[in-house]
Amino acid sequence: MKKVSRQREFDGKTLEKIMNEAIKKAIDKQLKLGVPAVYIKDGKVCYLMPDGREVFKEKAEKI
C-alpha cells in the first residue's frame, strides 16, 4: 500500500497569511474572554485590553 503525504508546500507569503489569520483569531478569542493580548510594539510591551485600549510598559517586570 502506498503512503499518501498530507503535507502541503506553501510559499512564504501564503504561510505568513495563514499565520496572521490564526494570530488574529487567537487574539479575538482572548479578548472575548476578557483576557488582554500581550505583544511587543515599537520595543515596548503592549497590553491590548478587551475594551480596545493599548497599555504600554517600557520593559517587562521581573516576577
PDB file of N, CA and C in Angstrom:
ATOM      1  N   MET A   1       0.839  -1.170   0.000  1.00  0.00           N
ATOM      2  CA  MET A   1       0.000   0.000   0.000  1.00  0.00           C
ATOM      3  C   MET A   1       0.890   1.241   0.000  1.00  0.00           C
ATOM      4  N   LYS A   2       0.534   2.216  -0.815  1.00  0.00           N
ATOM      5  CA  LYS A   2       1.314   3.435  -0.946  1.00  0.00           C
ATOM      6  C   LYS A   2       0.900   4.458   0.111  1.00  0.00           C
ATOM      7  N   LYS A   3       1.897   5.061   0.788  1.00  0.00           N
ATOM      8  CA  LYS A   3       1.607   6.102   1.773  1.00  0.00           C
ATOM      9  C   LYS A   3       1.325   7.412   1.054  1.00  0.00           C
ATOM     10  N   VAL A   4       0.331   8.106   1.527  1.00  0.00           N
ATOM     11  CA  VAL A   4      -0.022   9.393   0.948  1.00  0.00           C
ATOM     12  C   VAL A   4       0.379  10.483   1.929  1.00  0.00           C
ATOM     13  N   SER A   5       1.179  11.401   1.473  1.00  0.00           N
ATOM     14  CA  SER A   5       1.599  12.511   2.323  1.00  0.00           C
ATOM     15  C   SER A   5       0.481  13.545   2.369  1.00  0.00           C
ATOM     16  N   ARG A   6       0.153  13.985   3.567  1.00  0.00           N
ATOM     17  CA  ARG A   6      -0.887  15.004   3.714  1.00  0.00           C
ATOM     18  C   ARG A   6      -0.280  16.388   3.897  1.00  0.00           C
ATOM     19  N   GLN A   7       1.020  16.466   3.805  1.00  0.00           N
ATOM     20  CA  GLN A   7       1.678  17.755   3.929  1.00  0.00           C
ATOM     21  C   GLN A   7       1.567  18.514   2.615  1.00  0.00           C
ATOM     22  N   ARG A   8       1.412  19.813   2.741  1.00  0.00           N
ATOM     23  CA  ARG A   8       1.367  20.665   1.566  1.00  0.00           C
ATOM     24  C   ARG A   8       2.587  21.568   1.588  1.00  0.00           C
ATOM     25  N   GLU A   9       2.944  22.046   0.442  1.00  0.00           N
ATOM     26  CA  GLU A   9       4.028  23.015   0.364  1.00  0.00           C
ATOM     27  C   GLU A   9       3.421  24.383   0.088  1.00  0.00           C
ATOM     28  N   PHE A  10       3.834  25.363   0.881  1.00  0.00           N
ATOM     29  CA  PHE A  10       3.335  26.721   0.729  1.00  0.00           C
ATOM     30  C   PHE A  10       4.513  27.660   0.521  1.00  0.00           C
ATOM     31  N   ASP A  11       4.257  28.741  -0.187  1.00  0.00           N
ATOM     32  CA  ASP A  11       5.307  29.751  -0.301  1.00  0.00           C
ATOM     33  C   ASP A  11       5.260  30.649   0.937  1.00  0.00           C
ATOM     34  N   GLY A  12       6.245  31.514   1.086  1.00  0.00           N
ATOM     35  CA  GLY A  12       6.356  32.354   2.272  1.00  0.00           C
ATOM     36  C   GLY A  12       5.163  33.255   2.496  1.00  0.00           C
ATOM     37  N   LYS A  13       4.633  33.852   1.423  1.00  0.00           N
ATOM     38  CA  LYS A  13       3.501  34.767   1.567  1.00  0.00           C
ATOM     39  C   LYS A  13       2.246  34.030   2.031  1.00  0.00           C
ATOM     40  N   THR A  14       2.044  32.826   1.528  1.00  0.00           N
ATOM     41  CA  THR A  14       0.881  32.035   1.927  1.00  0.00           C
ATOM     42  C   THR A  14       0.984  31.652   3.400  1.00  0.00           C
ATOM     43  N   LEU A  15       2.168  31.222   3.823  1.00  0.00           N
ATOM     44  CA  LEU A  15       2.368  30.862   5.228  1.00  0.00           C
ATOM     45  C   LEU A  15       2.155  32.070   6.134  1.00  0.00           C
ATOM     46  N   GLU A  16       2.672  33.216   5.721  1.00  0.00           N
ATOM     47  CA  GLU A  16       2.505  34.427   6.521  1.00  0.00           C
ATOM     48  C   GLU A  16       1.024  34.776   6.659  1.00  0.00           C
ATOM     49  N   LYS A  17       0.262  34.638   5.580  1.00  0.00           N
ATOM     50  CA  LYS A  17      -1.173  34.929   5.618  1.00  0.00           C
ATOM     51  C   LYS A  17      -1.896  33.970   6.567  1.00  0.00           C
ATOM     52  N   ILE A  18      -1.564  32.687   6.496  1.00  0.00           N
ATOM     53  CA  ILE A  18      -2.187  31.681   7.370  1.00  0.00           C
ATOM     54  C   ILE A  18      -1.873  31.984   8.827  1.00  0.00           C
ATOM     55  N   MET A  19      -0.600  32.300   9.109  1.00  0.00           N
ATOM     56  CA  MET A  19      -0.203  32.593  10.490  1.00  0.00           C
ATOM     57  C   MET A  19      -0.875  33.853  11.012  1.00  0.00           C
ATOM     58  N   ASN A  20      -0.939  34.902  10.204  1.00  0.00           N
ATOM     59  CA  ASN A  20      -1.579  36.144  10.635  1.00  0.00           C
ATOM     60  C   ASN A  20      -3.064  35.941  10.928  1.00  0.00           C
ATOM     61  N   GLU A  21      -3.739  35.130  10.120  1.00  0.00           N
ATOM     62  CA  GLU A  21      -5.157  34.843  10.362  1.00  0.00           C
ATOM     63  C   GLU A  21      -5.327  34.074  11.676  1.00  0.00           C
ATOM     64  N   ALA A  22      -4.441  33.120  11.933  1.00  0.00           N
ATOM     65  CA  ALA A  22      -4.509  32.337  13.173  1.00  0.00           C
ATOM     66  C   ALA A  22      -4.257  33.222  14.387  1.00  0.00           C
ATOM     67  N   ILE A  23      -3.297  34.138  14.284  1.00  0.00           N
ATOM     68  CA  ILE A  23      -2.999  35.048  15.388  1.00  0.00           C
ATOM     69  C   ILE A  23      -4.190  35.952  15.665  1.00  0.00           C
ATOM     70  N   LYS A  24      -4.789  36.491  14.605  1.00  0.00           N
ATOM     71  CA  LYS A  24      -5.949  37.372  14.776  1.00  0.00           C
ATOM     72  C   LYS A  24      -7.104  36.638  15.459  1.00  0.00           C
ATOM     73  N   LYS A  25      -7.355  35.394  15.044  1.00  0.00           N
ATOM     74  CA  LYS A  25      -8.424  34.609  15.670  1.00  0.00           C
ATOM     75  C   LYS A  25      -8.127  34.355  17.142  1.00  0.00           C
ATOM     76  N   ALA A  26      -6.865  34.047  17.462  1.00  0.00           N
ATOM     77  CA  ALA A  26      -6.487  33.778  18.848  1.00  0.00           C
ATOM     78  C   ALA A  26      -6.650  35.028  19.714  1.00  0.00           C
ATOM     79  N   ILE A  27      -6.228  36.184  19.191  1.00  0.00           N
ATOM     80  CA  ILE A  27      -6.363  37.433  19.940  1.00  0.00           C
ATOM     81  C   ILE A  27      -7.835  37.777  20.135  1.00  0.00           C
ATOM     82  N   ASP A  28      -8.642  37.630  19.098  1.00  0.00           N
ATOM     83  CA  ASP A  28     -10.084  37.901  19.222  1.00  0.00           C
ATOM     84  C   ASP A  28     -10.721  37.017  20.284  1.00  0.00           C
ATOM     85  N   LYS A  29     -10.336  35.747  20.308  1.00  0.00           N
ATOM     86  CA  LYS A  29     -10.875  34.810  21.297  1.00  0.00           C
ATOM     87  C   LYS A  29     -10.473  35.231  22.708  1.00  0.00           C
ATOM     88  N   GLN A  30      -9.204  35.611  22.880  1.00  0.00           N
ATOM     89  CA  GLN A  30      -8.709  36.072  24.170  1.00  0.00           C
ATOM     90  C   GLN A  30      -9.491  37.278  24.663  1.00  0.00           C
ATOM     91  N   LEU A  31      -9.659  38.258  23.782  1.00  0.00           N
ATOM     92  CA  LEU A  31     -10.349  39.484  24.165  1.00  0.00           C
ATOM     93  C   LEU A  31     -11.809  39.214  24.528  1.00  0.00           C
ATOM     94  N   LYS A  32     -12.461  38.306  23.820  1.00  0.00           N
ATOM     95  CA  LYS A  32     -13.852  37.948  24.143  1.00  0.00           C
ATOM     96  C   LYS A  32     -13.956  37.312  25.524  1.00  0.00           C
ATOM     97  N   LEU A  33     -12.878  36.624  25.945  1.00  0.00           N
ATOM     98  CA  LEU A  33     -12.854  36.010  27.274  1.00  0.00           C
ATOM     99  C   LEU A  33     -12.451  37.008  28.360  1.00  0.00           C
ATOM    100  N   GLY A  34     -12.127  38.238  27.958  1.00  0.00           N
ATOM    101  CA  GLY A  34     -11.747  39.264  28.918  1.00  0.00           C
ATOM    102  C   GLY A  34     -10.273  39.247  29.288  1.00  0.00           C
ATOM    103  N   VAL A  35      -9.456  38.567  28.498  1.00  0.00           N
ATOM    104  CA  VAL A  35      -8.026  38.449  28.769  1.00  0.00           C
ATOM    105  C   VAL A  35      -7.267  39.375  27.821  1.00  0.00           C
ATOM    106  N   PRO A  36      -6.403  40.235  28.348  1.00  0.00           N
ATOM    107  CA  PRO A  36      -5.644  41.118  27.456  1.00  0.00           C
ATOM    108  C   PRO A  36      -4.668  40.334  26.578  1.00  0.00           C
ATOM    109  N   ALA A  37      -4.450  40.821  25.378  1.00  0.00           N
ATOM    110  CA  ALA A  37      -3.439  40.250  24.488  1.00  0.00           C
ATOM    111  C   ALA A  37      -2.140  40.998  24.754  1.00  0.00           C
ATOM    112  N   VAL A  38      -1.030  40.284  24.834  1.00  0.00           N
ATOM    113  CA  VAL A  38       0.260  40.898  25.147  1.00  0.00           C
ATOM    114  C   VAL A  38       1.202  40.661  23.980  1.00  0.00           C
ATOM    115  N   TYR A  39       1.846  41.742  23.538  1.00  0.00           N
ATOM    116  CA  TYR A  39       2.802  41.633  22.442  1.00  0.00           C
ATOM    117  C   TYR A  39       3.797  42.781  22.540  1.00  0.00           C
ATOM    118  N   ILE A  40       4.801  42.761  21.682  1.00  0.00           N
ATOM    119  CA  ILE A  40       5.805  43.821  21.644  1.00  0.00           C
ATOM    120  C   ILE A  40       5.475  44.762  20.488  1.00  0.00           C
ATOM    121  N   LYS A  41       5.459  46.071  20.769  1.00  0.00           N
ATOM    122  CA  LYS A  41       5.199  47.075  19.743  1.00  0.00           C
ATOM    123  C   LYS A  41       6.194  48.212  19.940  1.00  0.00           C
ATOM    124  N   ASP A  42       6.962  48.511  18.934  1.00  0.00           N
ATOM    125  CA  ASP A  42       7.979  49.555  18.997  1.00  0.00           C
ATOM    126  C   ASP A  42       8.938  49.346  20.165  1.00  0.00           C
ATOM    127  N   GLY A  43       9.271  48.093  20.449  1.00  0.00           N
ATOM    128  CA  GLY A  43      10.220  47.771  21.510  1.00  0.00           C
ATOM    129  C   GLY A  43       9.649  47.846  22.911  1.00  0.00           C
ATOM    130  N   LYS A  44       8.355  48.060  23.032  1.00  0.00           N
ATOM    131  CA  LYS A  44       7.710  48.142  24.340  1.00  0.00           C
ATOM    132  C   LYS A  44       6.695  47.016  24.473  1.00  0.00           C
ATOM    133  N   VAL A  45       6.471  46.588  25.708  1.00  0.00           N
ATOM    134  CA  VAL A  45       5.446  45.582  25.970  1.00  0.00           C
ATOM    135  C   VAL A  45       4.093  46.279  25.879  1.00  0.00           C
ATOM    136  N   CYS A  46       3.205  45.740  25.064  1.00  0.00           N
ATOM    137  CA  CYS A  46       1.891  46.339  24.847  1.00  0.00           C
ATOM    138  C   CYS A  46       0.805  45.356  25.279  1.00  0.00           C
ATOM    139  N   TYR A  47      -0.117  45.853  26.092  1.00  0.00           N
ATOM    140  CA  TYR A  47      -1.272  45.058  26.501  1.00  0.00           C
ATOM    141  C   TYR A  47      -2.481  45.605  25.755  1.00  0.00           C
ATOM    142  N   LEU A  48      -3.092  44.804  24.910  1.00  0.00           N
ATOM    143  CA  LEU A  48      -4.323  45.191  24.233  1.00  0.00           C
ATOM    144  C   LEU A  48      -5.467  44.724  25.117  1.00  0.00           C
ATOM    145  N   MET A  49      -6.138  45.688  25.723  1.00  0.00           N
ATOM    146  CA  MET A  49      -7.195  45.378  26.679  1.00  0.00           C
ATOM    147  C   MET A  49      -8.491  45.014  25.945  1.00  0.00           C
ATOM    148  N   PRO A  50      -9.353  44.240  26.615  1.00  0.00           N
ATOM    149  CA  PRO A  50     -10.616  43.839  25.980  1.00  0.00           C
ATOM    150  C   PRO A  50     -11.485  45.013  25.517  1.00  0.00           C
ATOM    151  N   ASP A  51     -11.313  46.192  26.140  1.00  0.00           N
ATOM    152  CA  ASP A  51     -12.101  47.357  25.712  1.00  0.00           C
ATOM    153  C   ASP A  51     -11.448  48.114  24.555  1.00  0.00           C
ATOM    154  N   GLY A  52     -10.301  47.595  24.043  1.00  0.00           N
ATOM    155  CA  GLY A  52      -9.652  48.180  22.885  1.00  0.00           C
ATOM    156  C   GLY A  52      -8.481  49.099  23.196  1.00  0.00           C
ATOM    157  N   ARG A  53      -8.286  49.452  24.481  1.00  0.00           N
ATOM    158  CA  ARG A  53      -7.155  50.313  24.849  1.00  0.00           C
ATOM    159  C   ARG A  53      -5.844  49.557  24.708  1.00  0.00           C
ATOM    160  N   GLU A  54      -4.783  50.294  24.384  1.00  0.00           N
ATOM    161  CA  GLU A  54      -3.436  49.745  24.387  1.00  0.00           C
ATOM    162  C   GLU A  54      -2.700  50.359  25.576  1.00  0.00           C
ATOM    163  N   VAL A  55      -2.171  49.508  26.452  1.00  0.00           N
ATOM    164  CA  VAL A  55      -1.417  49.956  27.617  1.00  0.00           C
ATOM    165  C   VAL A  55       0.024  49.521  27.409  1.00  0.00           C
ATOM    166  N   PHE A  56       0.958  50.479  27.494  1.00  0.00           N
ATOM    167  CA  PHE A  56       2.369  50.196  27.234  1.00  0.00           C
ATOM    168  C   PHE A  56       3.172  50.151  28.526  1.00  0.00           C
ATOM    169  N   LYS A  57       4.145  49.260  28.569  1.00  0.00           N
ATOM    170  CA  LYS A  57       5.140  49.181  29.636  1.00  0.00           C
ATOM    171  C   LYS A  57       6.494  49.314  28.957  1.00  0.00           C
ATOM    172  N   GLU A  58       7.391  50.055  29.572  1.00  0.00           N
ATOM    173  CA  GLU A  58       8.724  50.251  28.993  1.00  0.00           C
ATOM    174  C   GLU A  58       9.478  48.925  28.882  1.00  0.00           C
ATOM    175  N   LYS A  59       9.408  48.111  29.917  1.00  0.00           N
ATOM    176  CA  LYS A  59      10.046  46.804  29.886  1.00  0.00           C
ATOM    177  C   LYS A  59       9.279  45.878  30.806  1.00  0.00           C
ATOM    178  N   ALA A  60       9.449  44.595  30.594  1.00  0.00           N
ATOM    179  CA  ALA A  60       8.749  43.612  31.405  1.00  0.00           C
ATOM    180  C   ALA A  60       9.276  43.645  32.832  1.00  0.00           C
ATOM    181  N   GLU A  61       8.379  43.484  33.777  1.00  0.00           N
ATOM    182  CA  GLU A  61       8.769  43.442  35.182  1.00  0.00           C
ATOM    183  C   GLU A  61       9.204  42.027  35.528  1.00  0.00           C
ATOM    184  N   LYS A  62      10.183  41.929  36.423  1.00  0.00           N
ATOM    185  CA  LYS A  62      10.634  40.602  36.865  1.00  0.00           C
ATOM    186  C   LYS A  62       9.611  40.028  37.827  1.00  0.00           C
ATOM    187  N   ILE A  63       9.406  38.739  37.695  1.00  0.00           N
ATOM    188  CA  ILE A  63       8.445  38.059  38.572  1.00  0.00           C
ATOM    189  C   ILE A  63       9.186  37.371  39.683  1.00  0.00           C
TER     190      ILE A  63
END
